[in-house]
Amino acid sequence: MQLDHVGTRWPDALRGMRQMQEEMNRWLGSVSLGVNDEFPPVNVWAGADGAIVAAELPGIAPDKLDITVHGDTVSLRGTRAPESAGDKAAVLRQERPYGDFSRTVVLPFRVDPDKVEARSERGVVIVTLPRPVADKPRHIAVMQA
């Protein structure tokens, strides 16, 4: 057993906490201790030309997803059907959510709704949200007199 710089036994404490969480999960089902339990999880990038929203949506058919853009807001809505392994199988753990979902992201600028594109790659929906040309930052050169 190694001690850390202040003499505490972190490995023992963490092992005990992990064992307690596993036992609680067995009794109560899945317990999420994550920071963000919103569905779908998204990553958002923004730059001078626009933004990209990537949402994890495995098992959702593209025609079952509704993407709406209004001003500076993009919304993703849909329904995920529950999974089943058959009538004779009991659920031991269920961590993948199902049912209706809605996720809205507010961007720091307006979006040109006529140029928005969405594609699906390996269960990730990628939405490209360009800024209107009139709203893009412009570099202004200073002329010398």
Protein backbone atom coordinates (compact mmCIF):
# COMPACT_ATOMS: atom_id res chain seq x y z
CA MET A 1 0.00 0.00 0.00
CA GLN A 2 1.40 3.37 -0.99
CA LEU A 3 0.64 6.56 0.89
CA ASP A 4 0.19 9.86 -0.90
CA HIS A 5 2.07 13.03 0.04
CA VAL A 6 -0.10 13.74 3.11
CA GLY A 7 -0.20 10.19 4.39
CA THR A 8 -3.78 9.25 3.48
CA ARG A 9 -4.79 5.97 1.87
CA TRP A 10 -6.63 7.08 -1.29
CA PRO A 11 -6.58 3.68 -3.03
CA ASP A 12 -8.44 2.07 -0.09
CA ALA A 13 -10.97 4.89 0.12
CA LEU A 14 -11.66 4.85 -3.63
CA ARG A 15 -11.96 1.05 -3.69
CA GLY A 16 -14.52 1.21 -0.88
CA MET A 17 -16.51 3.92 -2.64
CA ARG A 18 -16.48 1.93 -5.89
CA GLN A 19 -17.68 -1.22 -4.10
CA MET A 20 -20.46 0.76 -2.40
CA GLN A 21 -21.56 2.27 -5.75
CA GLU A 22 -21.61 -1.18 -7.40
CA GLU A 23 -23.75 -2.56 -4.59
CA MET A 24 -26.14 0.41 -4.78
CA ASN A 25 -26.39 -0.10 -8.55
CA ARG A 26 -27.29 -3.76 -8.01
CA TRP A 27 -30.06 -2.79 -5.60
CA LEU A 28 -31.38 0.31 -7.32
CA GLY A 29 -30.40 -0.13 -10.95
CA SER A 30 -28.18 2.28 -12.76
CA VAL A 31 -27.11 5.38 -10.89
CA SER A 32 -25.51 8.08 -12.96
CA LEU A 33 -22.95 10.22 -11.23
CA GLY A 34 -22.08 12.17 -14.38
CA VAL A 35 -21.95 15.94 -14.48
CA ASN A 36 -24.37 16.24 -17.39
CA ASP A 37 -27.24 13.80 -17.81
CA GLU A 38 -28.94 15.68 -20.65
CA PHE A 39 -29.78 13.72 -23.79
CA PRO A 40 -28.45 13.81 -26.35
CA PRO A 41 -24.95 14.78 -25.28
CA VAL A 42 -23.60 17.48 -27.59
CA ASN A 43 -20.33 19.16 -28.48
CA VAL A 44 -20.50 22.69 -29.91
CA TRP A 45 -17.78 24.59 -31.78
CA ALA A 46 -18.06 28.20 -32.97
CA GLY A 47 -15.91 30.36 -35.20
CA ALA A 48 -16.13 33.43 -37.40
CA ASP A 49 -17.98 31.53 -40.16
CA GLY A 50 -20.51 29.70 -37.99
CA ALA A 51 -20.93 26.82 -35.60
CA ILE A 52 -21.03 23.04 -35.57
CA VAL A 53 -23.19 21.00 -33.22
CA ALA A 54 -22.41 17.28 -32.90
CA ALA A 55 -25.01 15.19 -31.04
CA GLU A 56 -24.69 11.53 -30.05
CA LEU A 57 -27.89 9.85 -31.25
CA PRO A 58 -27.20 6.12 -31.75
CA GLY A 59 -30.25 4.14 -32.74
CA ILE A 60 -32.23 7.20 -33.90
CA ALA A 61 -33.24 7.08 -37.57
CA PRO A 62 -32.57 10.40 -39.33
CA ASP A 63 -36.24 10.66 -40.35
CA LYS A 64 -37.23 10.42 -36.64
CA LEU A 65 -35.16 13.49 -35.73
CA ASP A 66 -36.51 17.03 -35.93
CA ILE A 67 -33.90 19.81 -36.17
CA THR A 68 -35.18 23.39 -35.90
CA VAL A 69 -33.18 26.60 -36.28
CA HIS A 70 -34.52 30.00 -35.28
CA GLY A 71 -32.32 33.06 -34.90
CA ASP A 72 -29.44 32.00 -32.65
CA THR A 73 -31.05 28.78 -31.42
CA VAL A 74 -30.89 25.20 -32.70
CA SER A 75 -33.17 22.49 -31.26
CA LEU A 76 -33.04 18.72 -31.67
CA ARG A 77 -36.17 16.69 -30.88
CA GLY A 78 -37.18 13.08 -31.31
CA THR A 79 -38.10 9.84 -29.63
CA ARG A 80 -35.92 6.89 -28.77
CA ALA A 81 -37.80 3.58 -28.54
CA PRO A 82 -37.06 1.30 -25.58
CA GLU A 83 -34.86 -1.69 -26.28
CA SER A 84 -35.87 -5.21 -25.38
CA ALA A 85 -34.02 -8.50 -25.29
CA GLY A 86 -37.29 -10.45 -25.28
CA ASP A 87 -40.02 -11.39 -22.84
CA LYS A 88 -37.89 -13.90 -20.92
CA ALA A 89 -35.00 -11.52 -20.23
CA ALA A 90 -34.87 -9.38 -17.08
CA VAL A 91 -33.20 -5.98 -17.11
CA LEU A 92 -30.07 -6.04 -14.97
CA ARG A 93 -28.86 -2.56 -15.86
CA GLN A 94 -30.36 0.13 -18.07
CA GLU A 95 -28.18 3.15 -18.70
CA ARG A 96 -29.31 4.13 -22.20
CA PRO A 97 -32.29 6.47 -21.92
CA TYR A 98 -35.44 6.11 -24.01
CA GLY A 99 -38.53 8.19 -24.67
CA ASP A 100 -39.01 11.72 -25.97
CA PHE A 101 -36.01 14.01 -25.93
CA SER A 102 -35.36 17.65 -26.68
CA ARG A 103 -32.08 19.53 -26.59
CA THR A 104 -31.68 23.23 -27.36
CA VAL A 105 -28.40 25.06 -27.89
CA VAL A 106 -28.18 28.86 -27.93
CA LEU A 107 -25.30 30.16 -30.04
CA PRO A 108 -23.48 33.49 -29.61
CA PHE A 109 -24.73 34.66 -33.05
CA ARG A 110 -27.61 34.27 -35.49
CA VAL A 111 -27.64 31.43 -38.02
CA ASP A 112 -28.49 31.52 -41.73
CA PRO A 113 -31.33 28.92 -41.69
CA ASP A 114 -31.28 28.48 -45.48
CA LYS A 115 -27.69 27.16 -45.39
CA VAL A 116 -27.89 24.80 -42.41
CA GLU A 117 -26.83 21.23 -43.20
CA ALA A 118 -27.06 18.02 -41.15
CA ARG A 119 -25.49 14.61 -41.69
CA SER A 120 -25.25 11.42 -39.67
CA GLU A 121 -21.97 9.56 -39.15
CA ARG A 122 -21.78 6.42 -36.99
CA GLY A 123 -24.57 7.51 -34.63
CA VAL A 124 -23.43 11.13 -34.39
CA VAL A 125 -25.54 13.83 -36.04
CA ILE A 126 -23.41 16.77 -37.17
CA VAL A 127 -25.23 20.05 -37.82
CA THR A 128 -23.33 22.80 -39.65
CA LEU A 129 -24.77 26.24 -38.81
CA PRO A 130 -23.28 29.06 -40.94
CA ARG A 131 -23.55 32.71 -39.96
CA PRO A 132 -25.31 35.10 -42.34
CA VAL A 133 -22.75 36.99 -44.45
CA ALA A 134 -24.00 40.31 -43.07
CA ASP A 135 -23.31 39.13 -39.48
CA LYS A 136 -19.79 37.83 -40.06
CA PRO A 137 -17.00 39.86 -38.51
CA ARG A 138 -15.17 41.96 -41.07
CA HIS A 139 -11.59 43.08 -40.97
CA ILE A 140 -11.35 46.81 -41.70
CA ALA A 141 -8.06 48.08 -43.06
CA VAL A 142 -6.98 51.54 -41.94
CA MET A 143 -5.90 53.67 -44.88
CA GLN A 144 -2.93 55.94 -44.45
CA ALA A 145 -3.59 59.56 -45.41
